[in-house]
Each structure stands twice: as structure tokens, then as C-alpha cells.
Amino acid sequence: MISDRLERLEKALAIMGWQRPLLVVDVPVRLVNTSNGREHWRATAKRAKTVRALARSLIKRRVVPLPCSVRLVYVGPRHLDDDGVASAVKSLRDGVADALGVDDRDPSVVWVPDQERGGVREYGARVEIYLG
């Protein structure tokens, strides 16, 4: 039996396959996989706060109807593993959820962490929002 979360994810991926995004926002920030980092908690918290505020400010100006699907894209010169991508885009996810006015566990928003390979020393992030 497939869980509700997986069914919503399957539907979101199908929508992303044939639909153009309602909103695409490039976020000029270098995302870091915090699960493998060995840095002081204060530096990690400061980075997370900055990324969250930046994402919130870039999305806040737009009106996005719910339900929606949000693709969070990590861009970097090397690929991360699946849990590394989820860890890297967590602060971005929190900021987008703040801007949408929902909790990030709200079932009306389906989150799809993803990654794309950038050039040498090219880092960034992109948020794509789809209807449905």
C-alpha cells in the first residue's frame, strides 16, 4: 500500500512533467549539506537564518494559490546524495513555506528536492512553483 505522501509526490512529479511552472525564482545563495558539516552550531544557524529570510523575501511578493507543488533545486559543481540534497534545501524550504503562509508539513504543498549540475565554482538554488 502506497502512503498518501508518496501518492501526492507521484501526482506532483506528473504535473511537473507536462506543466510549465507558475513561478521560477533564482536564489543567489550557496547551499550547504549540513548533515556532513563539522562546524559550530552558531555558524550553521546563522546560514540557515540568512537563506530562510532570502527565500521568504523573494517569494513573498508573489501570490501563489494552494494547493501547489514546489521544486527546490540545488545547483552545484558536484551532485549530492538524496539525503544531502534534502538537508541542503531545508532552510530554503522553510523560507518558501513562510512566504506561502503555511507550515512546511502542510499537505497542500508537495515539496520536491532536486539538484542540477552547475559549472566550476557555480553555486545557487532555484525555486519552481507549480499549480496542483
C-alpha atoms as a PDB file:
ATOM      1  CA  MET A   1       0.000   0.000   0.000  1.00  0.00           C
ATOM      2  CA  ILE A   2       1.371   3.385  -1.001  1.00  0.00           C
ATOM      3  CA  SER A   3       1.273   6.144   1.567  1.00  0.00           C
ATOM      4  CA  ASP A   4      -0.594   9.398   0.980  1.00  0.00           C
ATOM      5  CA  ARG A   5       2.703  11.284   0.831  1.00  0.00           C
ATOM      6  CA  LEU A   6       4.007   9.107  -1.995  1.00  0.00           C
ATOM      7  CA  GLU A   7       0.751   9.454  -3.908  1.00  0.00           C
ATOM      8  CA  ARG A   8       0.960  13.255  -3.631  1.00  0.00           C
ATOM      9  CA  LEU A   9       4.610  13.143  -4.732  1.00  0.00           C
ATOM     10  CA  GLU A  10       3.721  10.979  -7.723  1.00  0.00           C
ATOM     11  CA  LYS A  11       0.988  13.439  -8.722  1.00  0.00           C
ATOM     12  CA  ALA A  12       3.378  16.392  -8.305  1.00  0.00           C
ATOM     13  CA  LEU A  13       6.019  14.773 -10.488  1.00  0.00           C
ATOM     14  CA  ALA A  14       3.415  14.082 -13.171  1.00  0.00           C
ATOM     15  CA  ILE A  15       2.325  17.725 -13.085  1.00  0.00           C
ATOM     16  CA  MET A  16       5.935  18.900 -13.351  1.00  0.00           C
ATOM     17  CA  GLY A  17       6.384  16.688 -16.400  1.00  0.00           C
ATOM     18  CA  TRP A  18       3.723  18.363 -18.529  1.00  0.00           C
ATOM     19  CA  GLN A  19       3.073  21.741 -16.946  1.00  0.00           C
ATOM     20  CA  ARG A  20       5.106  24.941 -17.055  1.00  0.00           C
ATOM     21  CA  PRO A  21       5.956  26.402 -13.649  1.00  0.00           C
ATOM     22  CA  LEU A  22       3.754  29.189 -12.349  1.00  0.00           C
ATOM     23  CA  LEU A  23       6.772  30.869 -10.773  1.00  0.00           C
ATOM     24  CA  VAL A  24      10.542  30.424 -11.106  1.00  0.00           C
ATOM     25  CA  VAL A  25      12.857  32.254  -8.711  1.00  0.00           C
ATOM     26  CA  ASP A  26      16.649  32.031  -8.766  1.00  0.00           C
ATOM     27  CA  VAL A  27      18.101  32.345  -5.280  1.00  0.00           C
ATOM     28  CA  PRO A  28      21.675  33.685  -5.261  1.00  0.00           C
ATOM     29  CA  VAL A  29      22.983  31.613  -2.375  1.00  0.00           C
ATOM     30  CA  ARG A  30      25.380  28.729  -1.832  1.00  0.00           C
ATOM     31  CA  LEU A  31      23.512  25.891  -0.164  1.00  0.00           C
ATOM     32  CA  VAL A  32      25.464  23.566   2.112  1.00  0.00           C
ATOM     33  CA  ASN A  33      24.752  19.974   3.098  1.00  0.00           C
ATOM     34  CA  THR A  34      24.571  20.446   6.862  1.00  0.00           C
ATOM     35  CA  SER A  35      24.341  16.732   7.675  1.00  0.00           C
ATOM     36  CA  ASN A  36      28.023  16.196   6.882  1.00  0.00           C
ATOM     37  CA  GLY A  37      29.310  19.526   8.201  1.00  0.00           C
ATOM     38  CA  ARG A  38      31.566  19.800  11.202  1.00  0.00           C
ATOM     39  CA  GLU A  39      31.086  23.420  12.074  1.00  0.00           C
ATOM     40  CA  HIS A  40      29.916  25.277  15.148  1.00  0.00           C
ATOM     41  CA  TRP A  41      26.151  25.296  15.650  1.00  0.00           C
ATOM     42  CA  ARG A  42      26.067  29.097  15.620  1.00  0.00           C
ATOM     43  CA  ALA A  43      27.558  29.298  12.102  1.00  0.00           C
ATOM     44  CA  THR A  44      25.029  26.723  10.883  1.00  0.00           C
ATOM     45  CA  ALA A  45      22.144  28.617  12.490  1.00  0.00           C
ATOM     46  CA  LYS A  46      23.303  31.933  11.018  1.00  0.00           C
ATOM     47  CA  ARG A  47      23.494  30.477   7.497  1.00  0.00           C
ATOM     48  CA  ALA A  48      20.064  28.861   7.855  1.00  0.00           C
ATOM     49  CA  LYS A  49      18.538  32.127   9.047  1.00  0.00           C
ATOM     50  CA  THR A  50      20.035  34.038   6.110  1.00  0.00           C
ATOM     51  CA  VAL A  51      18.852  31.528   3.485  1.00  0.00           C
ATOM     52  CA  ARG A  52      15.378  31.347   5.018  1.00  0.00           C
ATOM     53  CA  ALA A  53      14.994  35.139   5.071  1.00  0.00           C
ATOM     54  CA  LEU A  54      16.266  35.476   1.494  1.00  0.00           C
ATOM     55  CA  ALA A  55      13.852  32.854   0.169  1.00  0.00           C
ATOM     56  CA  ARG A  56      10.967  34.413   2.085  1.00  0.00           C
ATOM     57  CA  SER A  57      11.692  37.883   0.699  1.00  0.00           C
ATOM     58  CA  LEU A  58      11.981  36.661  -2.910  1.00  0.00           C
ATOM     59  CA  ILE A  59       8.713  34.680  -2.847  1.00  0.00           C
ATOM     60  CA  LYS A  60       6.666  36.943  -0.533  1.00  0.00           C
ATOM     61  CA  ARG A  61       5.873  39.467  -3.271  1.00  0.00           C
ATOM     62  CA  ARG A  62       4.055  36.888  -5.387  1.00  0.00           C
ATOM     63  CA  VAL A  63       0.596  35.405  -4.972  1.00  0.00           C
ATOM     64  CA  VAL A  64       0.603  31.623  -5.138  1.00  0.00           C
ATOM     65  CA  PRO A  65      -2.676  29.678  -4.954  1.00  0.00           C
ATOM     66  CA  LEU A  66      -2.787  26.474  -2.948  1.00  0.00           C
ATOM     67  CA  PRO A  67      -2.528  23.521  -3.441  1.00  0.00           C
ATOM     68  CA  CYS A  68       0.792  23.660  -5.236  1.00  0.00           C
ATOM     69  CA  SER A  69       3.976  21.688  -5.829  1.00  0.00           C
ATOM     70  CA  VAL A  70       7.351  23.250  -5.110  1.00  0.00           C
ATOM     71  CA  ARG A  71      10.563  22.021  -6.717  1.00  0.00           C
ATOM     72  CA  LEU A  72      13.642  23.113  -4.764  1.00  0.00           C
ATOM     73  CA  VAL A  73      16.742  22.823  -6.944  1.00  0.00           C
ATOM     74  CA  TYR A  74      20.280  22.737  -5.554  1.00  0.00           C
ATOM     75  CA  VAL A  75      22.807  23.901  -8.169  1.00  0.00           C
ATOM     76  CA  GLY A  76      26.450  22.989  -7.636  1.00  0.00           C
ATOM     77  CA  PRO A  77      29.504  21.581  -9.394  1.00  0.00           C
ATOM     78  CA  ARG A  78      29.066  18.148  -7.776  1.00  0.00           C
ATOM     79  CA  HIS A  79      25.991  16.061  -7.146  1.00  0.00           C
ATOM     80  CA  LEU A  80      24.918  15.304  -3.599  1.00  0.00           C
ATOM     81  CA  ASP A  81      23.242  12.135  -2.398  1.00  0.00           C
ATOM     82  CA  ASP A  82      19.481  12.171  -1.798  1.00  0.00           C
ATOM     83  CA  ASP A  83      19.552  12.944   1.913  1.00  0.00           C
ATOM     84  CA  GLY A  84      22.267  15.550   1.302  1.00  0.00           C
ATOM     85  CA  VAL A  85      20.030  17.420  -1.142  1.00  0.00           C
ATOM     86  CA  ALA A  86      17.131  17.336   1.329  1.00  0.00           C
ATOM     87  CA  SER A  87      19.433  18.676   4.054  1.00  0.00           C
ATOM     88  CA  ALA A  88      20.863  21.402   1.808  1.00  0.00           C
ATOM     89  CA  VAL A  89      17.463  22.770   0.740  1.00  0.00           C
ATOM     90  CA  LYS A  90      15.830  22.605   4.202  1.00  0.00           C
ATOM     91  CA  SER A  91      16.301  26.307   5.015  1.00  0.00           C
ATOM     92  CA  LEU A  92      15.112  27.205   1.524  1.00  0.00           C
ATOM     93  CA  ARG A  93      12.003  25.083   2.101  1.00  0.00           C
ATOM     94  CA  ASP A  94      11.310  26.825   5.406  1.00  0.00           C
ATOM     95  CA  GLY A  95      11.599  30.257   3.783  1.00  0.00           C
ATOM     96  CA  VAL A  96       9.256  29.353   0.928  1.00  0.00           C
ATOM     97  CA  ALA A  97       6.764  27.905   3.417  1.00  0.00           C
ATOM     98  CA  ASP A  98       6.916  31.165   5.398  1.00  0.00           C
ATOM     99  CA  ALA A  99       6.234  33.167   2.232  1.00  0.00           C
ATOM    100  CA  LEU A 100       3.294  30.920   1.293  1.00  0.00           C
ATOM    101  CA  GLY A 101       1.884  31.266   4.798  1.00  0.00           C
ATOM    102  CA  VAL A 102       1.864  27.542   5.536  1.00  0.00           C
ATOM    103  CA  ASP A 103       3.775  25.138   7.722  1.00  0.00           C
ATOM    104  CA  ASP A 104       6.268  23.071   5.720  1.00  0.00           C
ATOM    105  CA  ARG A 105       4.442  19.866   6.673  1.00  0.00           C
ATOM    106  CA  ASP A 106       1.094  21.137   5.337  1.00  0.00           C
ATOM    107  CA  PRO A 107      -0.309  18.565   2.868  1.00  0.00           C
ATOM    108  CA  SER A 108      -1.488  21.297   0.471  1.00  0.00           C
ATOM    109  CA  VAL A 109       2.128  21.805  -0.609  1.00  0.00           C
ATOM    110  CA  VAL A 110       4.202  18.973  -2.069  1.00  0.00           C
ATOM    111  CA  TRP A 111       7.961  19.517  -1.747  1.00  0.00           C
ATOM    112  CA  VAL A 112      10.294  18.009  -4.340  1.00  0.00           C
ATOM    113  CA  PRO A 113      14.015  18.425  -3.571  1.00  0.00           C
ATOM    114  CA  ASP A 114      16.146  18.148  -6.700  1.00  0.00           C
ATOM    115  CA  GLN A 115      19.583  19.066  -7.998  1.00  0.00           C
ATOM    116  CA  GLU A 116      21.292  20.186 -11.171  1.00  0.00           C
ATOM    117  CA  ARG A 117      24.913  20.303 -12.032  1.00  0.00           C
ATOM    118  CA  GLY A 118      26.427  23.767 -12.389  1.00  0.00           C
ATOM    119  CA  GLY A 119      29.743  24.870 -13.800  1.00  0.00           C
ATOM    120  CA  VAL A 120      33.030  25.057 -11.929  1.00  0.00           C
ATOM    121  CA  ARG A 121      32.511  27.130  -8.766  1.00  0.00           C
ATOM    122  CA  GLU A 122      28.893  27.764  -9.775  1.00  0.00           C
ATOM    123  CA  TYR A 123      26.550  27.509  -6.815  1.00  0.00           C
ATOM    124  CA  GLY A 124      22.965  28.578  -6.392  1.00  0.00           C
ATOM    125  CA  ALA A 125      19.392  27.498  -5.918  1.00  0.00           C
ATOM    126  CA  ARG A 126      16.137  27.726  -7.799  1.00  0.00           C
ATOM    127  CA  VAL A 127      12.542  27.530  -6.631  1.00  0.00           C
ATOM    128  CA  GLU A 128       9.887  26.402  -9.117  1.00  0.00           C
ATOM    129  CA  ILE A 129       6.234  26.512  -8.093  1.00  0.00           C
ATOM    130  CA  TYR A 130       3.599  24.529  -9.999  1.00  0.00           C
ATOM    131  CA  LEU A 131      -0.187  24.604  -9.627  1.00  0.00           C
ATOM    132  CA  GLY A 132      -1.779  21.482  -8.268  1.00  0.00           C
END
